[in-house]
Amino acid sequence: MNHSSNSRGDYTQFLLSNGVGRTPPMGWNSWNHFQCNIDEWTVKTTADALVSTGLAALGYKYVNIDDCWAEESRDWKGNLRPKSSTFPSGIKALADYVHARGLKLGIYSDAGYTTCSKKMPGSLGHEQQDASTFAQWGIDYLKYDNCYHDGSAPQDRYAKMSYALHKVGKPILYSICEWGEEYPAKWAGQYGNAWRTTGDIKDTWESVTSIADENNRWGRYAGPGRWNDPDMLEVGNGEMTLEEYRSHFSIWALMKAPLLIGCDVRSASRQTLRILGNKEVIDVNQDPLGVQGRKIRSKAGLEIWAGPLSRKRVVVVLLNRSGSRAPISVGWREVGLSPYSPVIVRDLWARSFVSMSKRYGLTAYVAPHACKIYILTPNS
């Protein structure tokens, strides 16, 4: 296989041909819940929990280590070293453990001199060396952050790691974490599979809704192998209500965001697992058409988000961002369906079909900060 050509979109195509990134990546990432407090035991027991809860079987395959996994300095050959106090068995052994459970291992670095925690070196100037190390360890996913760099353009710094990953020839999903600063939706699809469109998410309704709005601007740039990333999930971290978490998950699914669990899976409540484990909502996210749903109408905090799915279906989210319960109506025509042909309506949280009294659309009463998510199937 020829890995020397670095033409436009090359690495993304290489990965797509290896089945990587065709749908948004799903899995878990350590940062939102654990920040720097991670070790190999946490990663192993989380991998086990993804399997035992049934989440792995639903597609949550990537077990991603975020910042703080390495020693503060490189070894005498310039290689990154796993932190001996927290990852004594090394990353290769951890990859083997995770792979033995049918899962994939992700790791983290930074397109700068140190990572965002300042606790370990970045990969700037060491791109090829680090890409080779990651490949040798059996890494399947790289999140590449944007702290403490040399002031050069992210387009250059992120391209270098893309070429390095392509050269090692092992399919490693490449997640560009540049926080949306230089509008990566416009250029990052040449180099990687997903790019952050915003700053870091917080476990608050205000954060989730403002990030959704920001990510929504870039919908037309997304597609198989190239996804907008509004950051990891906060579901289950405890600062929002169940309704808010359900809305967060529904909008992320509709926007074809990577679904990376950000809570402690080992102690997640039944309600949290029920949200993360809703197969019908996951299927919206993983739909092979790969078109990002968009906000199509908003008035006084009452919103309609919608997008096309495979087999001529449409997904619709009715989202209530206001403080009081309210009816939200959607007409078939505004989501691209014929107003005259019958439509089958599936409510994905109720897990039931809706009997249709009105011919041309649908009205639902939605509680504050809650949503309804439906799949509409033309029945002709």
Protein backbone atom coordinates (compact mmCIF):
# COMPACT_ATOMS: atom_id res chain seq x y z
CA MET A 1 0.00 0.00 0.00
CA ASN A 2 1.35 3.42 -0.92
CA HIS A 3 1.44 5.75 2.06
CA SER A 4 3.67 8.40 0.53
CA SER A 5 1.09 10.48 -1.27
CA ASN A 6 -0.29 13.22 0.96
CA SER A 7 -2.94 14.56 -1.36
CA ARG A 8 -6.16 16.12 -0.17
CA GLY A 9 -8.38 13.87 1.92
CA ASP A 10 -5.88 11.05 1.71
CA TYR A 11 -5.79 9.85 5.30
CA THR A 12 -9.57 10.06 5.64
CA GLN A 13 -9.93 7.92 2.50
CA PHE A 14 -7.35 5.41 3.77
CA LEU A 15 -9.34 5.06 7.00
CA LEU A 16 -12.71 4.83 5.24
CA SER A 17 -11.38 2.03 3.05
CA ASN A 18 -10.42 0.28 6.31
CA GLY A 19 -13.90 0.84 7.75
CA VAL A 20 -12.78 3.49 10.25
CA GLY A 21 -14.93 6.57 10.83
CA ARG A 22 -17.74 5.66 8.44
CA THR A 23 -20.16 6.51 11.24
CA PRO A 24 -19.41 8.77 14.22
CA PRO A 25 -17.07 7.10 16.70
CA MET A 26 -18.64 5.74 19.90
CA GLY A 27 -16.99 4.88 23.17
CA TRP A 28 -15.75 6.43 26.40
CA ASN A 29 -13.23 9.10 27.30
CA SER A 30 -11.64 9.64 30.71
CA TRP A 31 -11.51 13.45 30.85
CA ASN A 32 -15.00 14.70 31.80
CA HIS A 33 -15.20 12.57 34.93
CA PHE A 34 -11.61 11.73 35.91
CA GLN A 35 -9.52 14.58 34.45
CA CYS A 36 -5.91 13.70 35.41
CA ASN A 37 -6.88 11.02 37.95
CA ILE A 38 -6.52 8.03 35.64
CA ASP A 39 -4.59 4.80 35.81
CA GLU A 40 -4.53 1.44 34.07
CA TRP A 41 -6.95 -0.07 36.61
CA THR A 42 -9.57 2.62 35.80
CA VAL A 43 -9.16 1.99 32.09
CA LYS A 44 -9.35 -1.81 32.42
CA THR A 45 -12.36 -1.80 34.73
CA THR A 46 -14.10 0.68 32.44
CA ALA A 47 -13.49 -1.61 29.46
CA ASP A 48 -14.97 -4.47 31.51
CA ALA A 49 -17.96 -2.30 32.45
CA LEU A 50 -18.65 -1.34 28.83
CA VAL A 51 -18.93 -5.05 28.09
CA SER A 52 -20.92 -6.08 31.18
CA THR A 53 -23.47 -3.23 30.85
CA GLY A 54 -24.12 -4.16 27.21
CA LEU A 55 -22.89 -0.76 25.98
CA ALA A 56 -20.04 -2.30 23.98
CA ALA A 57 -22.52 -4.47 22.06
CA LEU A 58 -24.45 -1.27 21.20
CA GLY A 59 -21.35 0.20 19.54
CA TYR A 60 -19.41 1.91 22.35
CA LYS A 61 -16.08 0.46 21.22
CA TYR A 62 -13.40 3.09 21.84
CA VAL A 63 -11.87 3.26 25.32
CA ASN A 64 -10.01 6.58 25.19
CA ILE A 65 -7.32 7.71 27.58
CA ASP A 66 -7.16 11.52 27.72
CA ASP A 67 -4.42 13.78 29.14
CA CYS A 68 -1.89 12.89 31.90
CA TRP A 69 -0.98 9.30 30.94
CA ALA A 70 2.74 9.91 30.29
CA GLU A 71 5.84 10.85 32.25
CA GLU A 72 6.79 14.54 32.20
CA SER A 73 9.82 13.93 30.02
CA ARG A 74 10.69 11.69 27.09
CA ASP A 75 13.26 8.89 27.37
CA TRP A 76 16.85 9.26 26.11
CA LYS A 77 15.74 8.30 22.60
CA GLY A 78 13.02 10.96 22.63
CA ASN A 79 10.12 8.52 23.06
CA LEU A 80 7.00 9.17 25.13
CA ARG A 81 6.91 6.99 28.26
CA PRO A 82 3.78 5.81 30.08
CA LYS A 83 3.74 7.09 33.67
CA SER A 84 5.23 4.29 35.75
CA SER A 85 3.18 5.13 38.85
CA THR A 86 -0.20 4.91 37.06
CA PHE A 87 0.44 2.77 33.96
CA PRO A 88 3.11 0.35 35.27
CA SER A 89 2.25 -2.39 32.74
CA GLY A 90 2.63 0.02 29.84
CA ILE A 91 0.21 0.99 27.08
CA LYS A 92 0.83 -2.04 24.86
CA ALA A 93 -0.36 -4.38 27.61
CA LEU A 94 -3.40 -2.17 28.13
CA ALA A 95 -4.17 -2.25 24.39
CA ASP A 96 -3.94 -6.04 24.46
CA TYR A 97 -6.35 -6.17 27.42
CA VAL A 98 -8.85 -3.88 25.71
CA HIS A 99 -8.53 -5.67 22.34
CA ALA A 100 -9.12 -9.03 24.01
CA ARG A 101 -12.57 -7.70 24.99
CA GLY A 102 -13.38 -6.73 21.40
CA LEU A 103 -12.82 -3.04 22.12
CA LYS A 104 -10.38 -0.42 20.80
CA LEU A 105 -7.92 1.78 22.70
CA GLY A 106 -7.55 5.51 22.21
CA ILE A 107 -4.83 7.83 23.43
CA TYR A 108 -4.17 11.56 23.68
CA SER A 109 -1.46 13.96 22.62
CA ASP A 110 -1.13 17.62 21.71
CA ALA A 111 0.07 19.68 18.71
CA GLY A 112 2.30 21.71 21.03
CA TYR A 113 5.28 21.44 23.37
CA THR A 114 3.26 20.16 26.31
CA THR A 115 -0.31 18.93 26.67
CA CYS A 116 -3.05 21.07 28.22
CA SER A 117 -2.39 19.72 31.73
CA LYS A 118 1.31 20.66 31.35
CA LYS A 119 1.98 17.29 32.93
CA MET A 120 3.38 15.55 29.83
CA PRO A 121 5.11 16.44 26.55
CA GLY A 122 3.20 17.30 23.40
CA SER A 123 4.03 15.85 19.99
CA LEU A 124 5.08 19.04 18.18
CA GLY A 125 8.33 18.19 16.37
CA HIS A 126 7.95 14.51 17.31
CA GLU A 127 4.99 13.65 15.09
CA GLN A 128 6.53 10.69 13.24
CA GLN A 129 8.19 9.28 16.33
CA ASP A 130 4.98 9.43 18.36
CA ALA A 131 2.78 8.09 15.55
CA SER A 132 5.14 5.10 15.28
CA THR A 133 5.02 4.58 19.05
CA PHE A 134 1.21 4.68 19.05
CA ALA A 135 1.06 2.19 16.16
CA GLN A 136 3.52 -0.16 17.88
CA TRP A 137 1.42 -0.06 21.03
CA GLY A 138 -1.70 -1.00 19.05
CA ILE A 139 -3.51 2.33 19.48
CA ASP A 140 -6.74 2.73 17.45
CA TYR A 141 -7.67 6.39 18.09
CA LEU A 142 -5.76 9.60 18.69
CA LYS A 143 -7.24 12.75 20.21
CA TYR A 144 -4.86 15.58 19.32
CA ASP A 145 -5.19 18.75 21.40
CA ASN A 146 -4.10 22.34 20.79
CA CYS A 147 -2.31 23.72 23.88
CA TYR A 148 1.10 25.39 24.28
CA HIS A 149 2.11 25.40 20.61
CA ASP A 150 4.60 27.56 18.69
CA GLY A 151 2.04 29.98 17.24
CA SER A 152 2.08 28.33 13.80
CA ALA A 153 -1.20 27.63 11.99
CA PRO A 154 -3.20 24.65 13.25
CA GLN A 155 -3.64 23.62 9.61
CA ASP A 156 0.11 22.93 9.49
CA ARG A 157 0.46 21.34 12.91
CA TYR A 158 -2.55 19.04 12.43
CA ALA A 159 -1.51 18.12 8.87
CA LYS A 160 1.90 16.94 10.13
CA MET A 161 0.36 14.40 12.51
CA SER A 162 -2.08 13.29 9.80
CA TYR A 163 0.82 12.51 7.45
CA ALA A 164 2.69 10.76 10.26
CA LEU A 165 -0.31 8.56 11.05
CA HIS A 166 -0.78 7.79 7.36
CA LYS A 167 2.87 6.78 7.05
CA VAL A 168 2.70 4.18 9.84
CA GLY A 169 -0.11 2.57 7.85
CA LYS A 170 -2.18 1.32 10.81
CA PRO A 171 -5.73 2.70 10.74
CA ILE A 172 -5.85 5.11 13.71
CA LEU A 173 -8.94 7.31 13.94
CA TYR A 174 -7.69 10.90 14.13
CA SER A 175 -9.69 13.32 16.26
CA ILE A 176 -8.64 16.96 15.87
CA CYS A 177 -9.18 18.97 19.05
CA GLU A 178 -8.56 22.56 17.93
CA TRP A 179 -11.68 23.96 19.69
CA GLY A 180 -13.15 25.45 16.50
CA GLU A 181 -10.76 28.41 16.57
CA GLU A 182 -9.77 28.45 12.88
CA TYR A 183 -13.10 27.00 11.67
CA PRO A 184 -11.76 23.45 11.25
CA ALA A 185 -14.96 22.28 9.55
CA LYS A 186 -13.57 24.07 6.48
CA TRP A 187 -10.20 22.27 6.40
CA ALA A 188 -9.89 19.44 8.93
CA GLY A 189 -11.73 16.86 6.81
CA GLN A 190 -8.58 16.56 4.68
CA TYR A 191 -6.59 15.40 7.67
CA GLY A 192 -8.80 13.73 10.25
CA ASN A 193 -12.11 12.06 11.02
CA ALA A 194 -13.59 14.44 13.57
CA TRP A 195 -12.85 17.96 14.69
CA ARG A 196 -13.98 19.88 17.72
CA THR A 197 -16.11 22.86 16.72
CA THR A 198 -16.22 24.44 20.20
CA GLY A 199 -14.48 24.90 23.52
CA ASP A 200 -14.84 22.31 26.30
CA ILE A 201 -18.28 21.13 27.38
CA LYS A 202 -19.47 21.52 30.98
CA ASP A 203 -22.11 19.54 32.85
CA THR A 204 -24.68 22.35 32.57
CA TRP A 205 -27.75 23.00 30.41
CA GLU A 206 -26.33 26.36 29.37
CA SER A 207 -23.12 24.73 28.08
CA VAL A 208 -24.91 21.93 26.21
CA THR A 209 -27.36 24.26 24.44
CA SER A 210 -24.80 26.88 23.44
CA ILE A 211 -22.44 24.19 22.12
CA ALA A 212 -25.30 22.63 20.14
CA ASP A 213 -25.97 26.03 18.52
CA GLU A 214 -22.30 26.53 17.64
CA ASN A 215 -21.91 23.03 16.22
CA ASN A 216 -25.11 23.46 14.20
CA ARG A 217 -23.45 26.10 11.99
CA TRP A 218 -21.13 23.54 10.42
CA GLY A 219 -23.60 20.79 9.51
CA ARG A 220 -22.99 20.84 5.78
CA TYR A 221 -19.31 19.92 6.21
CA ALA A 222 -20.02 16.60 7.95
CA GLY A 223 -20.36 13.18 6.37
CA PRO A 224 -18.94 9.65 6.47
CA GLY A 225 -15.36 9.85 7.73
CA ARG A 226 -15.65 13.57 8.60
CA TRP A 227 -17.64 14.57 11.67
CA ASN A 228 -18.22 17.78 13.59
CA ASP A 229 -17.40 17.17 17.26
CA PRO A 230 -19.32 19.23 19.85
CA ASP A 231 -17.28 17.49 22.60
CA MET A 232 -17.91 14.48 24.80
CA LEU A 233 -21.10 13.50 26.59
CA GLU A 234 -21.88 14.70 30.11
CA VAL A 235 -24.75 12.22 30.59
CA GLY A 236 -24.50 10.69 34.06
CA ASN A 237 -22.10 13.19 35.61
CA GLY A 238 -24.82 14.46 37.93
CA GLU A 239 -25.24 18.21 37.45
CA MET A 240 -28.18 18.07 35.02
CA THR A 241 -31.63 16.49 35.22
CA LEU A 242 -32.55 13.26 33.44
CA GLU A 243 -34.67 15.26 30.99
CA GLU A 244 -31.70 17.53 30.24
CA TYR A 245 -29.41 14.52 29.73
CA ARG A 246 -31.99 12.96 27.42
CA SER A 247 -32.13 16.17 25.37
CA HIS A 248 -28.31 16.39 25.31
CA PHE A 249 -28.06 12.80 24.05
CA SER A 250 -30.85 13.23 21.47
CA ILE A 251 -29.34 16.36 19.92
CA TRP A 252 -25.83 14.84 19.86
CA ALA A 253 -27.25 11.75 18.12
CA LEU A 254 -29.15 13.86 15.57
CA MET A 255 -26.06 16.04 14.92
CA LYS A 256 -24.00 12.91 14.15
CA ALA A 257 -21.62 13.83 16.96
CA PRO A 258 -19.13 11.29 18.25
CA LEU A 259 -20.88 9.57 21.19
CA LEU A 260 -18.13 9.39 23.78
CA ILE A 261 -19.41 8.63 27.27
CA GLY A 262 -17.92 11.01 29.82
CA CYS A 263 -19.12 9.52 33.11
CA ASP A 264 -17.88 6.65 35.28
CA VAL A 265 -19.49 3.68 33.52
CA ARG A 266 -18.64 1.38 36.45
CA SER A 267 -20.99 3.19 38.80
CA ALA A 268 -23.50 4.60 36.30
CA SER A 269 -27.15 4.50 37.44
CA ARG A 270 -29.83 2.48 35.68
CA GLN A 271 -31.33 5.73 34.37
CA THR A 272 -27.99 6.84 32.93
CA LEU A 273 -27.51 3.46 31.25
CA ARG A 274 -31.03 3.66 29.88
CA ILE A 275 -30.22 6.97 28.18
CA LEU A 276 -26.83 5.91 26.83
CA GLY A 277 -28.22 2.52 25.88
CA ASN A 278 -31.25 3.61 23.83
CA LYS A 279 -30.55 1.62 20.66
CA GLU A 280 -33.07 3.53 18.56
CA VAL A 281 -31.43 6.87 19.36
CA ILE A 282 -27.97 5.35 18.74
CA ASP A 283 -29.22 4.09 15.35
CA VAL A 284 -30.05 7.69 14.40
CA ASN A 285 -26.44 8.65 15.15
CA GLN A 286 -25.04 5.64 13.31
CA ASP A 287 -27.32 5.88 10.27
CA PRO A 288 -25.32 5.03 7.13
CA LEU A 289 -26.50 8.13 5.24
CA GLY A 290 -24.34 10.18 7.61
CA VAL A 291 -26.11 13.53 7.21
CA GLN A 292 -25.94 15.88 10.21
CA GLY A 293 -29.39 17.00 11.37
CA ARG A 294 -29.88 20.74 11.76
CA LYS A 295 -32.02 23.22 13.63
CA ILE A 296 -34.79 24.23 11.24
CA ARG A 297 -36.95 26.45 13.43
CA SER A 298 -36.68 28.26 16.76
CA LYS A 299 -39.10 30.61 18.46
CA ALA A 300 -39.16 31.61 22.13
CA GLY A 301 -37.01 28.62 23.08
CA LEU A 302 -39.20 26.10 21.24
CA GLU A 303 -37.13 24.38 18.59
CA ILE A 304 -37.38 21.87 15.77
CA TRP A 305 -34.26 19.99 14.72
CA ALA A 306 -34.43 17.54 11.82
CA GLY A 307 -32.38 15.61 9.32
CA PRO A 308 -32.67 12.92 6.65
CA LEU A 309 -31.98 9.25 7.39
CA SER A 310 -31.48 6.29 5.08
CA ARG A 311 -34.53 4.65 3.46
CA LYS A 312 -36.25 8.06 2.95
CA ARG A 313 -36.86 8.45 6.69
CA VAL A 314 -36.54 11.67 8.67
CA VAL A 315 -35.50 12.20 12.29
CA VAL A 316 -37.14 15.08 14.17
CA VAL A 317 -36.33 16.46 17.62
CA LEU A 318 -38.78 18.83 19.31
CA LEU A 319 -36.72 20.63 21.95
CA ASN A 320 -38.09 22.90 24.68
CA ARG A 321 -35.39 25.30 25.88
CA SER A 322 -37.92 27.51 27.69
CA GLY A 323 -38.85 27.32 31.36
CA SER A 324 -42.40 26.05 30.91
CA ARG A 325 -44.25 23.17 29.33
CA ALA A 326 -45.41 24.04 25.81
CA PRO A 327 -46.82 22.55 22.63
CA ILE A 328 -44.41 22.26 19.71
CA SER A 329 -45.76 21.55 16.22
CA VAL A 330 -44.00 20.36 13.10
CA GLY A 331 -45.49 20.07 9.62
CA TRP A 332 -44.42 17.26 7.32
CA ARG A 333 -43.59 19.71 4.54
CA GLU A 334 -41.01 21.62 6.61
CA VAL A 335 -39.02 18.42 7.19
CA GLY A 336 -39.13 17.43 3.54
CA LEU A 337 -42.01 14.95 3.56
CA SER A 338 -45.11 15.10 1.40
CA PRO A 339 -48.04 16.49 3.39
CA TYR A 340 -50.39 14.12 1.58
CA SER A 341 -48.78 10.71 2.01
CA PRO A 342 -49.28 8.85 5.28
CA VAL A 343 -46.41 8.85 7.76
CA ILE A 344 -45.52 6.28 10.43
CA VAL A 345 -44.29 8.05 13.58
CA ARG A 346 -42.01 6.33 16.08
CA ASP A 347 -41.31 7.98 19.46
CA LEU A 348 -37.77 6.87 20.38
CA TRP A 349 -37.89 7.62 24.12
CA ALA A 350 -41.36 6.15 24.64
CA ARG A 351 -40.28 3.31 22.35
CA SER A 352 -43.71 3.22 20.80
CA PHE A 353 -45.57 4.26 17.67
CA VAL A 354 -47.69 7.40 17.78
CA SER A 355 -51.24 7.12 16.47
CA MET A 356 -51.70 9.98 14.05
CA SER A 357 -54.86 12.03 14.27
CA LYS A 358 -53.53 14.95 12.24
CA ARG A 359 -52.69 14.33 8.60
CA TYR A 360 -50.11 16.98 7.85
CA GLY A 361 -47.91 17.05 10.91
CA LEU A 362 -47.52 16.48 14.60
CA THR A 363 -47.94 18.42 17.84
CA ALA A 364 -46.51 17.36 21.18
CA TYR A 365 -46.48 18.94 24.62
CA VAL A 366 -42.89 19.10 25.78
CA ALA A 367 -41.72 19.72 29.36
CA PRO A 368 -39.07 22.39 30.07
CA HIS A 369 -35.58 21.34 28.91
CA ALA A 370 -37.05 18.07 27.62
CA CYS A 371 -37.38 16.85 24.07
CA LYS A 372 -39.24 14.41 21.86
CA ILE A 373 -37.33 12.49 19.23
CA TYR A 374 -39.25 10.83 16.39
CA ILE A 375 -38.45 8.89 13.27
CA LEU A 376 -40.90 9.62 10.47
CA THR A 377 -41.27 6.92 7.82
CA PRO A 378 -43.33 7.67 4.70
CA ASN A 379 -45.83 4.84 4.35
CA SER A 380 -46.46 4.84 0.64
